[in-house]
Amino acid sequence: MEEERDFVVFTDDDGNDFELDILFYFEHENKEYAVLIDAEGEECDCEDEDCCHDTDVYIMQVVVNEADDTEEFISPADEDMEKLIEIVQAKFDEDDECGCGCGECGSECEHK
């Protein structure tokens, strides 16, 4: 059964739309954040431990507009980024139980 995914559409400086996939939300210092990746990024199917297929990961602060019932995604303050990166890295490390790097460890990990 495929898990329902949450996507957000952004517009770059040139007016081009692109989708980011929300991996997860987390809270830090009473603020909500989302971790996103490129929804149309290349799927890596190589079996090389030192895979060269990097995935860009974005950390965005989520600001809820309760009047409109909408979410706005904004860049976090520069001074918060180091701590936010540590939190996200710890979450990825926690999810990678067997050390394979797939990010899907647990009952569905094909590398176990």
Protein backbone atom coordinates (compact mmCIF):
# COMPACT_ATOMS: atom_id res chain seq x y z
CA MET A 1 0.00 0.00 0.00
CA GLU A 2 1.47 3.35 -1.03
CA GLU A 3 1.61 6.07 1.59
CA GLU A 4 -0.21 9.34 0.82
CA ARG A 5 2.30 12.10 0.17
CA ASP A 6 2.00 15.83 0.70
CA PHE A 7 3.28 18.15 -2.05
CA VAL A 8 3.74 21.91 -2.16
CA VAL A 9 4.14 23.99 -5.34
CA PHE A 10 6.67 26.83 -5.26
CA THR A 11 7.56 29.43 -7.89
CA ASP A 12 11.21 30.32 -8.51
CA ASP A 13 12.60 33.77 -9.35
CA ASP A 14 12.08 33.11 -13.08
CA GLY A 15 8.38 32.27 -12.63
CA ASN A 16 8.83 28.51 -13.05
CA ASP A 17 6.72 26.26 -10.83
CA PHE A 18 8.27 23.28 -9.08
CA GLU A 19 6.97 20.73 -6.58
CA LEU A 20 8.52 19.76 -3.29
CA ASP A 21 7.49 16.67 -1.36
CA ILE A 22 7.01 17.13 2.40
CA LEU A 23 8.89 14.34 4.17
CA PHE A 24 7.91 15.30 7.70
CA TYR A 25 7.06 18.14 10.06
CA PHE A 26 8.76 18.90 13.36
CA GLU A 27 8.70 21.58 16.07
CA HIS A 28 11.61 23.54 17.46
CA GLU A 29 11.37 26.42 19.93
CA ASN A 30 7.60 26.72 19.47
CA LYS A 31 7.86 26.99 15.69
CA GLU A 32 6.76 24.41 13.14
CA TYR A 33 9.10 23.34 10.36
CA ALA A 34 8.82 21.06 7.34
CA VAL A 35 11.51 19.00 5.64
CA LEU A 36 11.03 18.87 1.88
CA ILE A 37 12.71 17.26 -1.14
CA ASP A 38 12.35 17.75 -4.89
CA ALA A 39 9.23 15.81 -5.89
CA GLU A 40 10.57 15.23 -9.39
CA GLY A 41 14.10 14.34 -8.39
CA GLU A 42 15.91 11.37 -9.82
CA GLU A 43 15.17 8.06 -8.16
CA CYS A 44 18.37 6.29 -7.26
CA ASP A 45 18.33 2.61 -8.10
CA CYS A 46 22.04 2.00 -7.83
CA GLU A 47 23.33 -0.43 -5.25
CA ASP A 48 26.58 1.41 -4.62
CA GLU A 49 27.12 2.35 -0.97
CA ASP A 50 28.94 5.49 -2.08
CA CYS A 51 26.09 6.58 -4.35
CA CYS A 52 26.62 9.88 -6.12
CA HIS A 53 22.90 10.69 -6.46
CA ASP A 54 22.41 13.54 -4.02
CA THR A 55 18.97 14.76 -3.07
CA ASP A 56 18.50 18.37 -2.08
CA VAL A 57 16.78 18.68 1.28
CA TYR A 58 15.00 21.89 2.26
CA ILE A 59 14.02 23.01 5.74
CA MET A 60 11.21 25.57 5.77
CA GLN A 61 9.36 27.24 8.61
CA VAL A 62 5.60 26.70 8.41
CA VAL A 63 3.45 29.72 9.23
CA VAL A 64 -0.26 28.98 9.52
CA ASN A 65 -2.75 31.65 8.54
CA GLU A 66 -5.77 30.58 10.56
CA ALA A 67 -8.08 33.14 8.95
CA ASP A 68 -7.52 31.64 5.47
CA ASP A 69 -6.74 28.12 6.74
CA THR A 70 -3.53 28.11 4.69
CA GLU A 71 0.13 27.36 5.31
CA GLU A 72 2.99 29.55 4.16
CA PHE A 73 6.49 28.11 3.87
CA ILE A 74 9.29 30.58 4.60
CA SER A 75 13.04 30.31 4.97
CA PRO A 76 14.13 29.98 8.60
CA ALA A 77 16.35 32.61 10.18
CA ASP A 78 20.03 32.09 9.35
CA GLU A 79 20.95 31.86 13.02
CA ASP A 80 18.55 28.90 13.46
CA MET A 81 19.80 26.84 10.51
CA GLU A 82 22.69 25.07 12.24
CA LYS A 83 20.43 23.68 14.97
CA LEU A 84 17.66 22.80 12.48
CA ILE A 85 20.14 20.88 10.32
CA GLU A 86 21.28 18.94 13.42
CA ILE A 87 17.67 18.03 14.24
CA VAL A 88 16.93 16.87 10.70
CA GLN A 89 20.18 14.89 10.45
CA ALA A 90 19.38 13.15 13.75
CA LYS A 91 15.93 12.22 12.40
CA PHE A 92 17.45 10.79 9.20
CA ASP A 93 20.02 8.84 11.24
CA GLU A 94 17.25 7.51 13.51
CA ASP A 95 15.20 6.36 10.47
CA ASP A 96 18.24 4.60 8.95
CA GLU A 97 18.33 1.68 11.39
CA CYS A 98 20.41 -0.71 9.32
CA GLY A 99 22.87 1.85 7.95
CA CYS A 100 21.92 1.33 4.32
CA GLY A 101 21.10 4.99 3.67
CA CYS A 102 17.74 4.28 2.05
CA GLY A 103 15.73 6.25 4.61
CA GLU A 104 13.09 3.51 4.61
CA CYS A 105 14.44 1.20 7.27
CA GLY A 106 12.04 -0.77 9.30
CA SER A 107 9.62 -3.38 8.05
CA GLU A 108 9.79 -2.11 4.43
CA CYS A 109 13.56 -1.79 4.05
CA GLU A 110 14.76 -3.94 1.16
CA HIS A 111 18.35 -3.78 2.44
CA LYS A 112 17.81 -5.73 5.67
